[in-house]
Amino acid sequence: MRRKLMGVSQEKLAEALGLTFQQVQKYERGVNRVSASKLFETSNFLGVDVSYFFDGLANRDPASGFAESESERFTHEFLMTTEGVELASLFPRLAAKQRRRILELVRTLADDDD
């Protein structure tokens, strides 16, 4: 998500890390594991501490491993879209009344699709 918020393409990140963009895709989807050295390089490139990638893990139930809940997975997938990133960055700028109206509009539109 940090990469998308910064407007960095997978290609640009891959180039900086000496990888293919397909490998970056696999890392982001969790298909392949990321080595400690690549995680360190990635954190340097994105300007965050390595701990950024582990935020929230301490509060998880150890029995559940690292699996995301359904709502976390949905939120992550939404925020990985261009529209999700843009909405997430612009929505807080709106007044509370405007945010409520937009939510009402979105609920109405979602109901219309059913």
C-alpha atoms as a PDB file:
ATOM      1  CA  MET A   1       0.000   0.000   0.000  1.00  0.00           C
ATOM      2  CA  ARG A   2       2.858   2.402   0.785  1.00  0.00           C
ATOM      3  CA  ARG A   3       4.121   2.017  -2.785  1.00  0.00           C
ATOM      4  CA  LYS A   4       0.728   2.988  -4.208  1.00  0.00           C
ATOM      5  CA  LEU A   5       0.314   5.911  -1.825  1.00  0.00           C
ATOM      6  CA  MET A   6       3.652   7.248  -3.033  1.00  0.00           C
ATOM      7  CA  GLY A   7       2.642   6.795  -6.674  1.00  0.00           C
ATOM      8  CA  VAL A   8       5.485   4.349  -7.337  1.00  0.00           C
ATOM      9  CA  SER A   9       4.831   1.728  -9.990  1.00  0.00           C
ATOM     10  CA  GLN A  10       5.703  -1.917  -9.529  1.00  0.00           C
ATOM     11  CA  GLU A  11       8.150  -1.497 -12.398  1.00  0.00           C
ATOM     12  CA  LYS A  12       9.984   1.370 -10.678  1.00  0.00           C
ATOM     13  CA  LEU A  13      10.179  -0.505  -7.371  1.00  0.00           C
ATOM     14  CA  ALA A  14      11.373  -3.636  -9.154  1.00  0.00           C
ATOM     15  CA  GLU A  15      14.082  -1.681 -10.964  1.00  0.00           C
ATOM     16  CA  ALA A  16      15.284  -0.141  -7.694  1.00  0.00           C
ATOM     17  CA  LEU A  17      15.440  -3.585  -6.072  1.00  0.00           C
ATOM     18  CA  GLY A  18      16.983  -5.411  -9.032  1.00  0.00           C
ATOM     19  CA  LEU A  19      13.850  -7.522  -9.561  1.00  0.00           C
ATOM     20  CA  THR A  20      11.221  -8.024 -12.230  1.00  0.00           C
ATOM     21  CA  PHE A  21       7.865  -6.356 -11.745  1.00  0.00           C
ATOM     22  CA  GLN A  22       6.329  -9.851 -11.690  1.00  0.00           C
ATOM     23  CA  GLN A  23       8.392 -10.655  -8.594  1.00  0.00           C
ATOM     24  CA  VAL A  24       7.161  -7.468  -6.909  1.00  0.00           C
ATOM     25  CA  GLN A  25       3.598  -8.532  -7.780  1.00  0.00           C
ATOM     26  CA  LYS A  26       4.185 -11.914  -6.146  1.00  0.00           C
ATOM     27  CA  TYR A  27       5.602 -10.259  -3.031  1.00  0.00           C
ATOM     28  CA  GLU A  28       2.624  -7.909  -2.762  1.00  0.00           C
ATOM     29  CA  ARG A  29       0.112 -10.718  -3.170  1.00  0.00           C
ATOM     30  CA  GLY A  30       1.928 -12.893  -0.659  1.00  0.00           C
ATOM     31  CA  VAL A  31       2.633 -15.610  -3.220  1.00  0.00           C
ATOM     32  CA  ASN A  32       6.389 -15.469  -2.578  1.00  0.00           C
ATOM     33  CA  ARG A  33       8.234 -14.743   0.632  1.00  0.00           C
ATOM     34  CA  VAL A  34      10.405 -11.653   0.884  1.00  0.00           C
ATOM     35  CA  SER A  35      13.951 -12.084   2.148  1.00  0.00           C
ATOM     36  CA  ALA A  36      15.130  -9.895   4.994  1.00  0.00           C
ATOM     37  CA  SER A  37      17.589  -8.117   2.703  1.00  0.00           C
ATOM     38  CA  LYS A  38      14.870  -7.304   0.119  1.00  0.00           C
ATOM     39  CA  LEU A  39      12.545  -6.156   2.879  1.00  0.00           C
ATOM     40  CA  PHE A  40      15.302  -3.846   4.130  1.00  0.00           C
ATOM     41  CA  GLU A  41      15.977  -2.500   0.611  1.00  0.00           C
ATOM     42  CA  THR A  42      12.255  -1.987   0.061  1.00  0.00           C
ATOM     43  CA  SER A  43      11.844  -0.094   3.319  1.00  0.00           C
ATOM     44  CA  ASN A  44      14.770   2.170   2.416  1.00  0.00           C
ATOM     45  CA  PHE A  45      13.365   2.857  -1.046  1.00  0.00           C
ATOM     46  CA  LEU A  46       9.889   3.611   0.327  1.00  0.00           C
ATOM     47  CA  GLY A  47      11.281   5.734   3.155  1.00  0.00           C
ATOM     48  CA  VAL A  48       9.843   3.714   6.031  1.00  0.00           C
ATOM     49  CA  ASP A  49      11.294   1.653   8.837  1.00  0.00           C
ATOM     50  CA  VAL A  50      11.182  -2.137   8.345  1.00  0.00           C
ATOM     51  CA  SER A  51       8.709  -2.298  11.241  1.00  0.00           C
ATOM     52  CA  TYR A  52       6.166  -0.555   8.971  1.00  0.00           C
ATOM     53  CA  PHE A  53       5.546  -3.902   7.269  1.00  0.00           C
ATOM     54  CA  PHE A  54       4.716  -5.536  10.602  1.00  0.00           C
ATOM     55  CA  ASP A  55       2.328  -2.922  12.011  1.00  0.00           C
ATOM     56  CA  GLY A  56      -0.659  -4.569  13.639  1.00  0.00           C
ATOM     57  CA  LEU A  57       0.788  -8.071  13.766  1.00  0.00           C
ATOM     58  CA  ALA A  58       1.450  -7.904  17.517  1.00  0.00           C
ATOM     59  CA  ASN A  59      -2.296  -7.697  18.179  1.00  0.00           C
ATOM     60  CA  ARG A  60      -3.082 -10.913  16.318  1.00  0.00           C
ATOM     61  CA  ASP A  61      -4.043 -14.169  17.935  1.00  0.00           C
ATOM     62  CA  PRO A  62      -0.961 -16.403  17.543  1.00  0.00           C
ATOM     63  CA  ALA A  63      -3.209 -19.367  16.764  1.00  0.00           C
ATOM     64  CA  SER A  64      -4.486 -17.612  13.636  1.00  0.00           C
ATOM     65  CA  GLY A  65      -1.007 -17.080  12.187  1.00  0.00           C
ATOM     66  CA  PHE A  66      -0.690 -14.208   9.755  1.00  0.00           C
ATOM     67  CA  ALA A  67      -3.972 -14.798   7.949  1.00  0.00           C
ATOM     68  CA  GLU A  68      -6.032 -11.659   7.409  1.00  0.00           C
ATOM     69  CA  SER A  69      -9.647 -11.533   8.395  1.00  0.00           C
ATOM     70  CA  GLU A  70     -12.198 -11.250   5.591  1.00  0.00           C
ATOM     71  CA  SER A  71     -12.732  -7.528   6.285  1.00  0.00           C
ATOM     72  CA  GLU A  72      -8.959  -6.871   6.369  1.00  0.00           C
ATOM     73  CA  ARG A  73      -8.521  -8.679   3.060  1.00  0.00           C
ATOM     74  CA  PHE A  74     -11.391  -6.713   1.492  1.00  0.00           C
ATOM     75  CA  THR A  75     -10.023  -3.409   2.792  1.00  0.00           C
ATOM     76  CA  HIS A  76      -6.522  -4.210   1.558  1.00  0.00           C
ATOM     77  CA  GLU A  77      -7.783  -5.220  -1.896  1.00  0.00           C
ATOM     78  CA  PHE A  78      -9.871  -2.044  -2.136  1.00  0.00           C
ATOM     79  CA  LEU A  79      -6.973   0.179  -1.097  1.00  0.00           C
ATOM     80  CA  MET A  80      -4.706  -1.459  -3.661  1.00  0.00           C
ATOM     81  CA  THR A  81      -6.899  -0.075  -6.459  1.00  0.00           C
ATOM     82  CA  THR A  82      -6.265   3.337  -7.967  1.00  0.00           C
ATOM     83  CA  GLU A  83      -9.761   4.434  -6.996  1.00  0.00           C
ATOM     84  CA  GLY A  84      -9.341   3.190  -3.434  1.00  0.00           C
ATOM     85  CA  VAL A  85      -6.117   5.122  -2.923  1.00  0.00           C
ATOM     86  CA  GLU A  86      -7.648   8.287  -4.356  1.00  0.00           C
ATOM     87  CA  LEU A  87     -10.800   7.981  -2.264  1.00  0.00           C
ATOM     88  CA  ALA A  88      -8.795   7.282   0.873  1.00  0.00           C
ATOM     89  CA  SER A  89      -6.684  10.379   0.318  1.00  0.00           C
ATOM     90  CA  LEU A  90      -9.548  12.738  -0.596  1.00  0.00           C
ATOM     91  CA  PHE A  91     -12.370  11.554   1.690  1.00  0.00           C
ATOM     92  CA  PRO A  92     -10.884  12.932   4.950  1.00  0.00           C
ATOM     93  CA  ARG A  93     -10.699  16.412   3.384  1.00  0.00           C
ATOM     94  CA  LEU A  94     -14.481  16.579   3.170  1.00  0.00           C
ATOM     95  CA  ALA A  95     -16.714  17.965   5.868  1.00  0.00           C
ATOM     96  CA  ALA A  96     -18.562  15.360   7.969  1.00  0.00           C
ATOM     97  CA  LYS A  97     -21.894  16.258   6.360  1.00  0.00           C
ATOM     98  CA  GLN A  98     -20.435  15.747   2.870  1.00  0.00           C
ATOM     99  CA  ARG A  99     -18.935  12.374   3.882  1.00  0.00           C
ATOM    100  CA  ARG A 100     -22.321  11.184   5.190  1.00  0.00           C
ATOM    101  CA  ARG A 101     -24.018  12.253   1.940  1.00  0.00           C
ATOM    102  CA  ILE A 102     -21.436  10.404  -0.125  1.00  0.00           C
ATOM    103  CA  LEU A 103     -21.943   7.271   1.970  1.00  0.00           C
ATOM    104  CA  GLU A 104     -25.698   7.544   1.438  1.00  0.00           C
ATOM    105  CA  LEU A 105     -25.133   7.891  -2.312  1.00  0.00           C
ATOM    106  CA  VAL A 106     -22.801   4.878  -2.407  1.00  0.00           C
ATOM    107  CA  ARG A 107     -25.272   2.755  -0.400  1.00  0.00           C
ATOM    108  CA  THR A 108     -28.054   3.724  -2.802  1.00  0.00           C
ATOM    109  CA  LEU A 109     -25.929   2.912  -5.844  1.00  0.00           C
ATOM    110  CA  ALA A 110     -24.856  -0.424  -4.337  1.00  0.00           C
ATOM    111  CA  ASP A 111     -28.509  -1.325  -3.643  1.00  0.00           C
ATOM    112  CA  ASP A 112     -29.417  -0.463  -7.249  1.00  0.00           C
ATOM    113  CA  ASP A 113     -26.905  -3.057  -8.511  1.00  0.00           C
ATOM    114  CA  ASP A 114     -28.744  -5.829  -6.672  1.00  0.00           C
END
